[in-house]
PDB file of N, CA and C in Angstrom:
ATOM      1  N   UNK A   1      99.487 103.305  72.714  1.00  0.00           N
ATOM      2  CA  UNK A   1      98.206 102.501  73.771  1.00  0.00           C
ATOM      3  C   UNK A   1      98.320 102.582  75.539  1.00  0.00           C
ATOM      4  N   UNK A   2      97.254 102.956  76.174  1.00  0.00           N
ATOM      5  CA  UNK A   2      97.224 102.945  77.738  1.00  0.00           C
ATOM      6  C   UNK A   2      96.510 101.427  77.775  1.00  0.00           C
ATOM      7  N   UNK A   3      96.826 101.268  79.143  1.00  0.00           N
ATOM      8  CA  UNK A   3      96.018  99.653  79.124  1.00  0.00           C
ATOM      9  C   UNK A   3      96.086 100.199  80.962  1.00  0.00           C
ATOM     10  N   UNK A   4      94.797  99.742  81.697  1.00  0.00           N
ATOM     11  CA  UNK A   4      94.482  99.554  83.235  1.00  0.00           C
ATOM     12  C   UNK A   4      94.224  98.030  83.007  1.00  0.00           C
ATOM     13  N   UNK A   5      94.912  97.625  84.091  1.00  0.00           N
ATOM     14  CA  UNK A   5      95.017  95.659  84.477  1.00  0.00           C
ATOM     15  C   UNK A   5      94.885  95.829  85.678  1.00  0.00           C
ATOM     16  N   UNK A   6      93.504  95.117  86.369  1.00  0.00           N
ATOM     17  CA  UNK A   6      92.998  95.411  87.717  1.00  0.00           C
ATOM     18  C   UNK A   6      93.729  93.576  87.693  1.00  0.00           C
ATOM     19  N   UNK A   7      93.741  93.661  89.114  1.00  0.00           N
ATOM     20  CA  UNK A   7      93.848  92.346  89.647  1.00  0.00           C
ATOM     21  C   UNK A   7      93.619  91.962  91.579  1.00  0.00           C
ATOM     22  N   UNK A   8      93.750  90.981  92.234  1.00  0.00           N
ATOM     23  CA  UNK A   8      93.502  90.800  93.117  1.00  0.00           C
ATOM     24  C   UNK A   8      92.540  89.975  93.730  1.00  0.00           C
ATOM     25  N   UNK A   9      91.251  90.162  92.786  1.00  0.00           N
ATOM     26  CA  UNK A   9      89.800  90.115  92.880  1.00  0.00           C
ATOM     27  C   UNK A   9      90.091  88.377  93.489  1.00  0.00           C
ATOM     28  N   UNK A  10      88.584  88.581  94.076  1.00  0.00           N
ATOM     29  CA  UNK A  10      88.160  87.301  94.177  1.00  0.00           C
ATOM     30  C   UNK A  10      87.157  86.407  95.294  1.00  0.00           C
ATOM     31  N   UNK A  11      86.898  85.052  95.960  1.00  0.00           N
ATOM     32  CA  UNK A  11      85.942  85.204  96.804  1.00  0.00           C
ATOM     33  C   UNK A  11      86.496  84.841  98.297  1.00  0.00           C
ATOM     34  N   UNK A  12      85.998  85.618  99.256  1.00  0.00           N
ATOM     35  CA  UNK A  12      86.020  85.725 100.433  1.00  0.00           C
ATOM     36  C   UNK A  12      85.217  85.506 101.188  1.00  0.00           C
ATOM     37  N   UNK A  13      85.174  85.386 102.811  1.00  0.00           N
ATOM     38  CA  UNK A  13      84.143  85.080 103.467  1.00  0.00           C
ATOM     39  C   UNK A  13      83.931  86.297 104.481  1.00  0.00           C
ATOM     40  N   UNK A  14      82.666  86.735 104.083  1.00  0.00           N
ATOM     41  CA  UNK A  14      81.973  88.312 105.402  1.00  0.00           C
ATOM     42  C   UNK A  14      83.389  88.090 107.036  1.00  0.00           C
ATOM     43  N   UNK A  15      84.092  89.288 106.728  1.00  0.00           N
ATOM     44  CA  UNK A  15      84.854  89.463 107.523  1.00  0.00           C
ATOM     45  C   UNK A  15      86.070  89.972 107.120  1.00  0.00           C
ATOM     46  N   UNK A  16      86.020  89.389 105.931  1.00  0.00           N
ATOM     47  CA  UNK A  16      87.624  89.175 105.912  1.00  0.00           C
ATOM     48  C   UNK A  16      88.167  90.086 104.509  1.00  0.00           C
ATOM     49  N   UNK A  17      89.161  90.003 104.044  1.00  0.00           N
ATOM     50  CA  UNK A  17      90.250  90.865 103.315  1.00  0.00           C
ATOM     51  C   UNK A  17      90.351  90.689 101.994  1.00  0.00           C
ATOM     52  N   UNK A  18      90.712  91.671 100.900  1.00  0.00           N
ATOM     53  CA  UNK A  18      91.359  91.311  99.671  1.00  0.00           C
ATOM     54  C   UNK A  18      92.116  92.607  99.614  1.00  0.00           C
ATOM     55  N   UNK A  19      92.981  93.350  98.954  1.00  0.00           N
ATOM     56  CA  UNK A  19      93.349  93.861  98.224  1.00  0.00           C
ATOM     57  C   UNK A  19      93.916  93.892  96.702  1.00  0.00           C
ATOM     58  N   UNK A  20      92.556  94.933  95.737  1.00  0.00           N
ATOM     59  CA  UNK A  20      92.832  94.343  94.574  1.00  0.00           C
ATOM     60  C   UNK A  20      93.917  95.681  94.330  1.00  0.00           C
ATOM     61  N   UNK A  21      94.320  95.393  93.336  1.00  0.00           N
ATOM     62  CA  UNK A  21      95.849  95.975  92.332  1.00  0.00           C
ATOM     63  C   UNK A  21      94.893  96.447  90.914  1.00  0.00           C
ATOM     64  N   UNK A  22      96.000  97.658  90.649  1.00  0.00           N
ATOM     65  CA  UNK A  22      95.546  98.435  89.181  1.00  0.00           C
ATOM     66  C   UNK A  22      96.285  98.876  88.604  1.00  0.00           C
ATOM     67  N   UNK A  23      96.997  98.300  87.568  1.00  0.00           N
ATOM     68  CA  UNK A  23      98.412  99.030  86.929  1.00  0.00           C
ATOM     69  C   UNK A  23      97.822  99.477  85.565  1.00  0.00           C
ATOM     70  N   UNK A  24      98.381 100.571  85.179  1.00  0.00           N
ATOM     71  CA  UNK A  24      98.877 101.523  84.026  1.00  0.00           C
ATOM     72  C   UNK A  24      99.708 101.186  83.541  1.00  0.00           C
ATOM     73  N   UNK A  25      99.720 100.726  81.901  1.00  0.00           N
ATOM     74  CA  UNK A  25     100.818 100.519  81.219  1.00  0.00           C
ATOM     75  C   UNK A  25     100.857 101.525  79.563  1.00  0.00           C
ATOM     76  N   UNK A  26     101.947 101.660  78.848  1.00  0.00           N
ATOM     77  CA  UNK A  26     102.048 102.442  77.406  1.00  0.00           C
ATOM     78  C   UNK A  26     102.190 103.641  77.556  1.00  0.00           C
ATOM     79  N   UNK A  27     101.911 104.696  76.349  1.00  0.00           N
ATOM     80  CA  UNK A  27     102.722 105.979  76.455  1.00  0.00           C
ATOM     81  C   UNK A  27     101.848 106.801  77.339  1.00  0.00           C
ATOM     82  N   UNK A  28     101.884 107.033  78.713  1.00  0.00           N
ATOM     83  CA  UNK A  28     101.795 108.181  79.684  1.00  0.00           C
ATOM     84  C   UNK A  28     102.448 109.109  79.565  1.00  0.00           C
ATOM     85  N   UNK A  29     102.090 110.034  80.172  1.00  0.00           N
ATOM     86  CA  UNK A  29     102.572 111.146  79.995  1.00  0.00           C
ATOM     87  C   UNK A  29     102.595 112.109  82.186  1.00  0.00           C
ATOM     88  N   UNK A  30     101.883 111.535  82.541  1.00  0.00           N
ATOM     89  CA  UNK A  30     100.992 111.824  83.519  1.00  0.00           C
ATOM     90  C   UNK A  30     100.244 110.929  84.024  1.00  0.00           C
ATOM     91  N   UNK A  31      99.419 110.283  85.365  1.00  0.00           N
ATOM     92  CA  UNK A  31      98.515 109.971  85.609  1.00  0.00           C
ATOM     93  C   UNK A  31      97.649 111.236  86.822  1.00  0.00           C
ATOM     94  N   UNK A  32      96.721 111.610  87.046  1.00  0.00           N
ATOM     95  CA  UNK A  32      95.767 112.483  87.512  1.00  0.00           C
ATOM     96  C   UNK A  32      95.153 111.840  88.424  1.00  0.00           C
ATOM     97  N   UNK A  33      93.949 112.180  88.616  1.00  0.00           N
ATOM     98  CA  UNK A  33      92.729 110.975  89.506  1.00  0.00           C
ATOM     99  C   UNK A  33      92.979 109.974  89.279  1.00  0.00           C
ATOM    100  N   UNK A  34      92.671 109.165  90.118  1.00  0.00           N
ATOM    101  CA  UNK A  34      92.585 107.002  89.890  1.00  0.00           C
ATOM    102  C   UNK A  34      91.255 106.762  90.872  1.00  0.00           C
ATOM    103  N   UNK A  35      90.468 106.182  90.531  1.00  0.00           N
ATOM    104  CA  UNK A  35      89.577 105.997  91.169  1.00  0.00           C
ATOM    105  C   UNK A  35      89.041 104.539  91.180  1.00  0.00           C
ATOM    106  N   UNK A  36      88.313 103.927  92.302  1.00  0.00           N
ATOM    107  CA  UNK A  36      87.752 102.792  91.763  1.00  0.00           C
ATOM    108  C   UNK A  36      86.508 102.480  91.724  1.00  0.00           C
ATOM    109  N   UNK A  37      85.103 101.995  90.820  1.00  0.00           N
ATOM    110  CA  UNK A  37      84.289 101.669  90.733  1.00  0.00           C
ATOM    111  C   UNK A  37      83.532 100.574  91.101  1.00  0.00           C
ATOM    112  N   UNK A  38      82.274 100.220  91.575  1.00  0.00           N
ATOM    113  CA  UNK A  38      81.937  98.686  91.459  1.00  0.00           C
ATOM    114  C   UNK A  38      80.673  98.948  90.826  1.00  0.00           C
ATOM    115  N   UNK A  39      80.382  97.476  90.290  1.00  0.00           N
ATOM    116  CA  UNK A  39      78.783  97.258  90.112  1.00  0.00           C
ATOM    117  C   UNK A  39      78.468  95.869  90.538  1.00  0.00           C
ATOM    118  N   UNK A  40      77.218  95.968  90.824  1.00  0.00           N
ATOM    119  CA  UNK A  40      76.999  94.418  91.411  1.00  0.00           C
ATOM    120  C   UNK A  40      75.303  94.360  90.494  1.00  0.00           C
ATOM    121  N   UNK A  41      75.521  93.144  90.185  1.00  0.00           N
ATOM    122  CA  UNK A  41      74.678  92.927  88.837  1.00  0.00           C
ATOM    123  C   UNK A  41      73.129  93.491  89.187  1.00  0.00           C
ATOM    124  N   UNK A  42      72.289  93.810  88.089  1.00  0.00           N
ATOM    125  CA  UNK A  42      70.967  94.645  88.603  1.00  0.00           C
ATOM    126  C   UNK A  42      71.665  95.823  88.883  1.00  0.00           C
ATOM    127  N   UNK A  43      72.415  96.957  89.205  1.00  0.00           N
ATOM    128  CA  UNK A  43      72.939  97.902  89.948  1.00  0.00           C
ATOM    129  C   UNK A  43      73.913  98.996  88.984  1.00  0.00           C
ATOM    130  N   UNK A  44      73.578 100.293  89.311  1.00  0.00           N
ATOM    131  CA  UNK A  44      74.562 101.426  88.730  1.00  0.00           C
ATOM    132  C   UNK A  44      75.877 100.893  88.945  1.00  0.00           C
ATOM    133  N   UNK A  45      76.622 101.447  88.146  1.00  0.00           N
ATOM    134  CA  UNK A  45      78.135 100.844  88.535  1.00  0.00           C
ATOM    135  C   UNK A  45      78.004 102.537  89.367  1.00  0.00           C
ATOM    136  N   UNK A  46      78.997 102.098  90.447  1.00  0.00           N
ATOM    137  CA  UNK A  46      78.996 103.140  91.420  1.00  0.00           C
ATOM    138  C   UNK A  46      80.550 103.664  92.059  1.00  0.00           C
ATOM    139  N   UNK A  47      80.679 104.926  92.707  1.00  0.00           N
ATOM    140  CA  UNK A  47      81.920 105.190  92.635  1.00  0.00           C
ATOM    141  C   UNK A  47      82.491 104.804  94.550  1.00  0.00           C
ATOM    142  N   UNK A  48      83.141 103.976  94.345  1.00  0.00           N
ATOM    143  CA  UNK A  48      83.723 103.738  95.901  1.00  0.00           C
ATOM    144  C   UNK A  48      84.674 104.481  96.099  1.00  0.00           C
ATOM    145  N   UNK A  49      86.105 104.618  95.166  1.00  0.00           N
ATOM    146  CA  UNK A  49      86.582 105.657  96.167  1.00  0.00           C
ATOM    147  C   UNK A  49      87.566 106.315  95.270  1.00  0.00           C
ATOM    148  N   UNK A  50      88.660 107.376  95.583  1.00  0.00           N
ATOM    149  CA  UNK A  50      89.185 108.243  94.577  1.00  0.00           C
ATOM    150  C   UNK A  50      90.499 108.590  95.178  1.00  0.00           C
ATOM    151  N   UNK A  51      91.479 108.817  94.244  1.00  0.00           N
ATOM    152  CA  UNK A  51      92.804 109.453  94.721  1.00  0.00           C
ATOM    153  C   UNK A  51      93.117 110.183  94.089  1.00  0.00           C
ATOM    154  N   UNK A  52      93.955 111.477  94.163  1.00  0.00           N
ATOM    155  CA  UNK A  52      93.975 112.641  93.665  1.00  0.00           C
ATOM    156  C   UNK A  52      96.125 112.230  93.321  1.00  0.00           C
ATOM    157  N   UNK A  53      96.611 112.994  92.771  1.00  0.00           N
ATOM    158  CA  UNK A  53      97.667 112.033  92.186  1.00  0.00           C
ATOM    159  C   UNK A  53      98.612 113.217  93.230  1.00  0.00           C
ATOM    160  N   UNK A  54      98.040 113.747  94.291  1.00  0.00           N
ATOM    161  CA  UNK A  54      98.766 114.486  95.613  1.00  0.00           C
ATOM    162  C   UNK A  54      98.573 113.491  96.633  1.00  0.00           C
ATOM    163  N   UNK A  55      97.708 112.494  96.558  1.00  0.00           N
ATOM    164  CA  UNK A  55      97.438 111.713  97.856  1.00  0.00           C
ATOM    165  C   UNK A  55      96.013 112.014  98.737  1.00  0.00           C
ATOM    166  N   UNK A  56      94.802 113.252  97.809  1.00  0.00           N
ATOM    167  CA  UNK A  56      93.438 112.885  98.582  1.00  0.00           C
ATOM    168  C   UNK A  56      92.754 112.004  98.128  1.00  0.00           C
ATOM    169  N   UNK A  57      92.124 111.476  99.023  1.00  0.00           N
ATOM    170  CA  UNK A  57      91.384 110.121  99.112  1.00  0.00           C
ATOM    171  C   UNK A  57      89.794 110.799  99.176  1.00  0.00           C
ATOM    172  N   UNK A  58      89.028 110.226  98.617  1.00  0.00           N
ATOM    173  CA  UNK A  58      87.402 110.205  98.980  1.00  0.00           C
ATOM    174  C   UNK A  58      86.808 108.852  98.790  1.00  0.00           C
ATOM    175  N   UNK A  59      85.770 109.112  99.782  1.00  0.00           N
ATOM    176  CA  UNK A  59      85.263 107.512  99.880  1.00  0.00           C
ATOM    177  C   UNK A  59      83.786 107.050  99.764  1.00  0.00           C
ATOM    178  N   UNK A  60      83.361 106.520  99.546  1.00  0.00           N
ATOM    179  CA  UNK A  60      81.438 106.045  99.196  1.00  0.00           C
ATOM    180  C   UNK A  60      81.348 106.411 100.785  1.00  0.00           C
ATOM    181  N   UNK A  61      80.083 106.831 100.931  1.00  0.00           N
ATOM    182  CA  UNK A  61      79.759 106.238 102.894  1.00  0.00           C
ATOM    183  C   UNK A  61      80.106 104.973 103.209  1.00  0.00           C
ATOM    184  N   UNK A  62      79.326 104.220 102.797  1.00  0.00           N
ATOM    185  CA  UNK A  62      79.433 102.738 102.378  1.00  0.00           C
ATOM    186  C   UNK A  62      80.399 101.699 103.060  1.00  0.00           C
ATOM    187  N   UNK A  63      81.561 102.670 102.454  1.00  0.00           N
ATOM    188  CA  UNK A  63      82.532 101.544 102.959  1.00  0.00           C
ATOM    189  C   UNK A  63      84.342 102.885 103.888  1.00  0.00           C
ATOM    190  N   UNK A  64      83.746 103.832 104.024  1.00  0.00           N
ATOM    191  CA  UNK A  64      84.006 104.507 104.703  1.00  0.00           C
ATOM    192  C   UNK A  64      84.952 103.656 106.520  1.00  0.00           C
ATOM    193  N   UNK A  65      86.301 103.898 106.385  1.00  0.00           N
ATOM    194  CA  UNK A  65      86.526 103.379 107.191  1.00  0.00           C
ATOM    195  C   UNK A  65      86.810 101.705 107.489  1.00  0.00           C
ATOM    196  N   UNK A  66      86.826 100.968 106.143  1.00  0.00           N
ATOM    197  CA  UNK A  66      86.576  99.488 105.908  1.00  0.00           C
ATOM    198  C   UNK A  66      88.031  99.435 104.686  1.00  0.00           C
ATOM    199  N   UNK A  67      87.711 100.748 103.688  1.00  0.00           N
ATOM    200  CA  UNK A  67      88.350 100.680 102.172  1.00  0.00           C
ATOM    201  C   UNK A  67      89.495 101.828 102.108  1.00  0.00           C
ATOM    202  N   UNK A  68      90.370 101.425 102.073  1.00  0.00           N
ATOM    203  CA  UNK A  68      91.987 102.580 101.897  1.00  0.00           C
ATOM    204  C   UNK A  68      92.356 102.040 100.571  1.00  0.00           C
ATOM    205  N   UNK A  69      92.094 103.349 100.004  1.00  0.00           N
ATOM    206  CA  UNK A  69      92.847 103.699  98.031  1.00  0.00           C
ATOM    207  C   UNK A  69      94.046 104.534  98.659  1.00  0.00           C
ATOM    208  N   UNK A  70      95.000 103.638  97.650  1.00  0.00           N
ATOM    209  CA  UNK A  70      96.782 104.687  97.857  1.00  0.00           C
ATOM    210  C   UNK A  70      97.119 104.550  96.575  1.00  0.00           C
ATOM    211  N   UNK A  71      97.901 104.457  96.127  1.00  0.00           N
ATOM    212  CA  UNK A  71      98.881 104.859  94.538  1.00  0.00           C
ATOM    213  C   UNK A  71     100.153 104.513  94.628  1.00  0.00           C
ATOM    214  N   UNK A  72     100.711 104.134  94.124  1.00  0.00           N
ATOM    215  CA  UNK A  72     102.280 104.460  93.978  1.00  0.00           C
ATOM    216  C   UNK A  72     102.318 104.991  92.541  1.00  0.00           C
ATOM    217  N   UNK A  73     102.845 106.213  92.986  1.00  0.00           N
ATOM    218  CA  UNK A  73     102.836 107.186  91.239  1.00  0.00           C
ATOM    219  C   UNK A  73     103.934 106.247  90.317  1.00  0.00           C
ATOM    220  N   UNK A  74     105.287 105.974  90.863  1.00  0.00           N
ATOM    221  CA  UNK A  74     106.545 105.173  90.387  1.00  0.00           C
ATOM    222  C   UNK A  74     106.283 104.117  89.865  1.00  0.00           C
ATOM    223  N   UNK A  75     105.370 103.229  90.459  1.00  0.00           N
ATOM    224  CA  UNK A  75     104.918 101.917  89.490  1.00  0.00           C
ATOM    225  C   UNK A  75     103.653 102.230  88.397  1.00  0.00           C
ATOM    226  N   UNK A  76     102.884 103.904  89.122  1.00  0.00           N
ATOM    227  CA  UNK A  76     101.569 103.516  88.362  1.00  0.00           C
ATOM    228  C   UNK A  76     100.483 102.656  88.678  1.00  0.00           C
ATOM    229  N   UNK A  77     100.253 103.009  89.711  1.00  0.00           N
ATOM    230  CA  UNK A  77      99.315 101.416  90.210  1.00  0.00           C
ATOM    231  C   UNK A  77      98.906 102.150  91.143  1.00  0.00           C
ATOM    232  N   UNK A  78      97.313 101.877  91.235  1.00  0.00           N
ATOM    233  CA  UNK A  78      96.184 101.998  92.961  1.00  0.00           C
ATOM    234  C   UNK A  78      95.989 100.797  93.131  1.00  0.00           C
ATOM    235  N   UNK A  79      95.704 101.019  94.665  1.00  0.00           N
ATOM    236  CA  UNK A  79      95.509 100.022  94.997  1.00  0.00           C
ATOM    237  C   UNK A  79      94.234 100.183  95.854  1.00  0.00           C
ATOM    238  N   UNK A  80      93.197  99.020  96.146  1.00  0.00           N
ATOM    239  CA  UNK A  80      92.136  99.063  96.999  1.00  0.00           C
ATOM    240  C   UNK A  80      92.193  97.950  98.501  1.00  0.00           C
ATOM    241  N   UNK A  81      92.617  98.968  99.105  1.00  0.00           N
ATOM    242  CA  UNK A  81      92.654  97.433 100.142  1.00  0.00           C
ATOM    243  C   UNK A  81      91.530  97.459 101.286  1.00  0.00           C
ATOM    244  N   UNK A  82      91.000  96.145 101.233  1.00  0.00           N
ATOM    245  CA  UNK A  82      89.169  96.327 101.657  1.00  0.00           C
ATOM    246  C   UNK A  82      89.394  95.045 102.693  1.00  0.00           C
ATOM    247  N   UNK A  83      88.952  95.906 104.244  1.00  0.00           N
ATOM    248  CA  UNK A  83      88.421  94.787 104.836  1.00  0.00           C
ATOM    249  C   UNK A  83      87.255  95.389 105.413  1.00  0.00           C
ATOM    250  N   UNK A  84      86.668  94.130 106.338  1.00  0.00           N
ATOM    251  CA  UNK A  84      85.299  93.913 107.016  1.00  0.00           C
ATOM    252  C   UNK A  84      84.874  93.606 106.191  1.00  0.00           C
ATOM    253  N   UNK A  85      84.572  92.605 104.913  1.00  0.00           N
ATOM    254  CA  UNK A  85      83.647  92.786 103.863  1.00  0.00           C
ATOM    255  C   UNK A  85      82.490  91.957 104.264  1.00  0.00           C
ATOM    256  N   UNK A  86      81.416  92.654 103.750  1.00  0.00           N
ATOM    257  CA  UNK A  86      80.092  92.108 103.959  1.00  0.00           C
ATOM    258  C   UNK A  86      79.195  91.861 102.777  1.00  0.00           C
ATOM    259  N   UNK A  87      78.660  91.047 102.245  1.00  0.00           N
ATOM    260  CA  UNK A  87      78.547  90.117 101.069  1.00  0.00           C
ATOM    261  C   UNK A  87      77.656  91.133 100.068  1.00  0.00           C
ATOM    262  N   UNK A  88      77.062  92.378 100.418  1.00  0.00           N
ATOM    263  CA  UNK A  88      76.692  93.910 100.151  1.00  0.00           C
ATOM    264  C   UNK A  88      77.802  94.170  99.147  1.00  0.00           C
ATOM    265  N   UNK A  89      79.133  93.718  99.656  1.00  0.00           N
ATOM    266  CA  UNK A  89      80.331  94.404  98.969  1.00  0.00           C
ATOM    267  C   UNK A  89      80.140  93.349  97.409  1.00  0.00           C
ATOM    268  N   UNK A  90      79.906  92.470  97.755  1.00  0.00           N
ATOM    269  CA  UNK A  90      79.924  91.385  96.266  1.00  0.00           C
ATOM    270  C   UNK A  90      80.156  92.329  94.866  1.00  0.00           C
ATOM    271  N   UNK A  91      80.909  92.405  94.153  1.00  0.00           N
ATOM    272  CA  UNK A  91      80.540  93.187  92.795  1.00  0.00           C
ATOM    273  C   UNK A  91      81.778  92.993  92.058  1.00  0.00           C
ATOM    274  N   UNK A  92      81.655  93.330  90.742  1.00  0.00           N
ATOM    275  CA  UNK A  92      82.619  93.738  89.900  1.00  0.00           C
ATOM    276  C   UNK A  92      83.461  95.070  90.307  1.00  0.00           C
ATOM    277  N   UNK A  93      84.399  95.129  90.871  1.00  0.00           N
ATOM    278  CA  UNK A  93      85.415  96.416  91.201  1.00  0.00           C
ATOM    279  C   UNK A  93      86.177  96.929  89.717  1.00  0.00           C
ATOM    280  N   UNK A  94      85.805  97.938  89.261  1.00  0.00           N
ATOM    281  CA  UNK A  94      86.375  98.737  87.775  1.00  0.00           C
ATOM    282  C   UNK A  94      87.590  99.600  88.672  1.00  0.00           C
ATOM    283  N   UNK A  95      88.867  99.678  87.913  1.00  0.00           N
ATOM    284  CA  UNK A  95      89.944 101.060  87.920  1.00  0.00           C
ATOM    285  C   UNK A  95      89.867 101.809  86.962  1.00  0.00           C
ATOM    286  N   UNK A  96      89.708 103.072  87.280  1.00  0.00           N
ATOM    287  CA  UNK A  96      89.270 104.187  85.811  1.00  0.00           C
ATOM    288  C   UNK A  96      90.643 105.334  86.194  1.00  0.00           C
ATOM    289  N   UNK A  97      91.223 106.135  85.398  1.00  0.00           N
ATOM    290  CA  UNK A  97      91.949 106.602  85.661  1.00  0.00           C
ATOM    291  C   UNK A  97      92.355 107.729  84.572  1.00  0.00           C
ATOM    292  N   UNK A  98      92.533 109.261  84.569  1.00  0.00           N
ATOM    293  CA  UNK A  98      92.763 110.220  84.398  1.00  0.00           C
ATOM    294  C   UNK A  98      94.185 110.789  83.473  1.00  0.00           C
ATOM    295  N   UNK A  99      94.347 110.272  82.585  1.00  0.00           N
ATOM    296  CA  UNK A  99      95.804 109.856  81.963  1.00  0.00           C
ATOM    297  C   UNK A  99      96.215 110.615  80.995  1.00  0.00           C
ATOM    298  N   UNK A 100      97.153 111.621  80.907  1.00  0.00           N
ATOM    299  CA  UNK A 100      97.551 112.582  80.101  1.00  0.00           C
ATOM    300  C   UNK A 100      98.639 111.674  79.295  1.00  0.00           C
ATOM    301  N   UNK A 101      98.257 111.900  77.879  1.00  0.00           N
ATOM    302  CA  UNK A 101      98.942 111.206  76.784  1.00  0.00           C
ATOM    303  C   UNK A 101      99.770 111.905  75.408  1.00  0.00           C
ATOM    304  N   UNK A 102     101.024 111.715  75.066  1.00  0.00           N
ATOM    305  CA  UNK A 102     101.336 112.247  74.403  1.00  0.00           C
ATOM    306  C   UNK A 102     101.362 111.900  72.897  1.00  0.00           C
ATOM    307  N   UNK A 103     100.968 110.941  72.515  1.00  0.00           N
ATOM    308  CA  UNK A 103     100.645 110.526  70.768  1.00  0.00           C
ATOM    309  C   UNK A 103      99.271 110.082  71.450  1.00  0.00           C
ATOM    310  N   UNK A 104      98.237 109.586  70.192  1.00  0.00           N
ATOM    311  CA  UNK A 104      98.552 110.537  69.339  1.00  0.00           C
ATOM    312  C   UNK A 104      98.488 111.703  69.278  1.00  0.00           C
ATOM    313  N   UNK A 105      97.894 112.496  69.731  1.00  0.00           N
ATOM    314  CA  UNK A 105      97.766 113.889  70.511  1.00  0.00           C
ATOM    315  C   UNK A 105      98.503 113.633  72.033  1.00  0.00           C
ATOM    316  N   UNK A 106      98.566 115.189  72.159  1.00  0.00           N
ATOM    317  CA  UNK A 106      98.449 115.702  73.665  1.00  0.00           C
ATOM    318  C   UNK A 106      97.043 116.144  74.344  1.00  0.00           C
ATOM    319  N   UNK A 107      96.857 114.797  74.666  1.00  0.00           N
ATOM    320  CA  UNK A 107      95.560 114.857  76.130  1.00  0.00           C
ATOM    321  C   UNK A 107      95.158 114.503  76.746  1.00  0.00           C
ATOM    322  N   UNK A 108      94.370 114.863  77.693  1.00  0.00           N
ATOM    323  CA  UNK A 108      93.930 113.615  78.590  1.00  0.00           C
ATOM    324  C   UNK A 108      92.577 113.071  78.559  1.00  0.00           C
ATOM    325  N   UNK A 109      93.041 111.474  78.867  1.00  0.00           N
ATOM    326  CA  UNK A 109      91.936 111.524  78.790  1.00  0.00           C
ATOM    327  C   UNK A 109      91.352 109.726  80.150  1.00  0.00           C
ATOM    328  N   UNK A 110      90.286 109.876  80.116  1.00  0.00           N
ATOM    329  CA  UNK A 110      89.821 108.642  81.219  1.00  0.00           C
ATOM    330  C   UNK A 110      89.665 107.161  80.600  1.00  0.00           C
ATOM    331  N   UNK A 111      90.537 106.279  81.240  1.00  0.00           N
ATOM    332  CA  UNK A 111      90.536 104.998  81.419  1.00  0.00           C
ATOM    333  C   UNK A 111      90.143 103.720  82.177  1.00  0.00           C
ATOM    334  N   UNK A 112      89.270 103.274  81.601  1.00  0.00           N
ATOM    335  CA  UNK A 112      88.590 101.930  82.547  1.00  0.00           C
ATOM    336  C   UNK A 112      89.782 100.407  82.135  1.00  0.00           C
ATOM    337  N   UNK A 113      89.245  99.649  83.345  1.00  0.00           N
ATOM    338  CA  UNK A 113      90.585  98.876  83.398  1.00  0.00           C
ATOM    339  C   UNK A 113      89.552  97.540  83.154  1.00  0.00           C
ATOM    340  N   UNK A 114      89.436  96.378  82.689  1.00  0.00           N
ATOM    341  CA  UNK A 114      88.455  95.540  82.485  1.00  0.00           C
ATOM    342  C   UNK A 114      87.666  94.615  83.647  1.00  0.00           C
ATOM    343  N   UNK A 115      87.938  94.992  84.914  1.00  0.00           N
ATOM    344  CA  UNK A 115      87.268  94.844  86.161  1.00  0.00           C
ATOM    345  C   UNK A 115      87.703  93.092  86.453  1.00  0.00           C
ATOM    346  N   UNK A 116      87.864  93.725  87.757  1.00  0.00           N
ATOM    347  CA  UNK A 116      87.771  92.033  88.800  1.00  0.00           C
ATOM    348  C   UNK A 116      86.760  92.036  89.388  1.00  0.00           C
ATOM    349  N   UNK A 117      86.550  90.303  89.483  1.00  0.00           N
ATOM    350  CA  UNK A 117      85.065  90.207  90.610  1.00  0.00           C
ATOM    351  C   UNK A 117      85.655  90.249  91.807  1.00  0.00           C
ATOM    352  N   UNK A 118      84.697  90.413  92.927  1.00  0.00           N
ATOM    353  CA  UNK A 118      84.979  90.395  94.397  1.00  0.00           C
ATOM    354  C   UNK A 118      83.744  89.401  94.630  1.00  0.00           C
ATOM    355  N   UNK A 119      83.264  88.759  94.977  1.00  0.00           N
ATOM    356  CA  UNK A 119      82.638  87.857  96.142  1.00  0.00           C
ATOM    357  C   UNK A 119      82.599  87.266  97.334  1.00  0.00           C
ATOM    358  N   UNK A 120      81.811  88.125  98.267  1.00  0.00           N
ATOM    359  CA  UNK A 120      82.097  87.756 100.110  1.00  0.00           C
ATOM    360  C   UNK A 120      80.637  86.687 100.091  1.00  0.00           C
ATOM    361  N   UNK A 121      80.582  86.057 100.689  1.00  0.00           N
ATOM    362  CA  UNK A 121      80.058  85.128 101.153  1.00  0.00           C
ATOM    363  C   UNK A 121      79.609  85.103 102.212  1.00  0.00           C
ATOM    364  N   UNK A 122      78.366  84.970 103.122  1.00  0.00           N
ATOM    365  CA  UNK A 122      78.144  85.541 104.200  1.00  0.00           C
ATOM    366  C   UNK A 122      77.902  83.763 105.112  1.00  0.00           C
TER     367      UNK A 122
END
């Protein structure tokens, strides 16, 4: 069984910084793309940033220059470094990963974490 567990959310003032982490565990053969999404109340879930297994990154326009996504393949962990935070960044942040498993079958599945709340006060 595979799990993604996020941590690092919290309350921060506008202009501040936070670092989110998401660790994968379980019967994992390999991890391909990893992503961070966010969902604010009343809004659809949106893609914030993604990173391939080779470290190629993409960002939503709204966070370019402020957020940085990285990963540690040995630790099976993806990070989201957030700086110059704005009240509109307030949301539940979810990590997401494409993971190859060998049990019960050899296949790739997309897994989600449970989410971590980020609140930016003005």
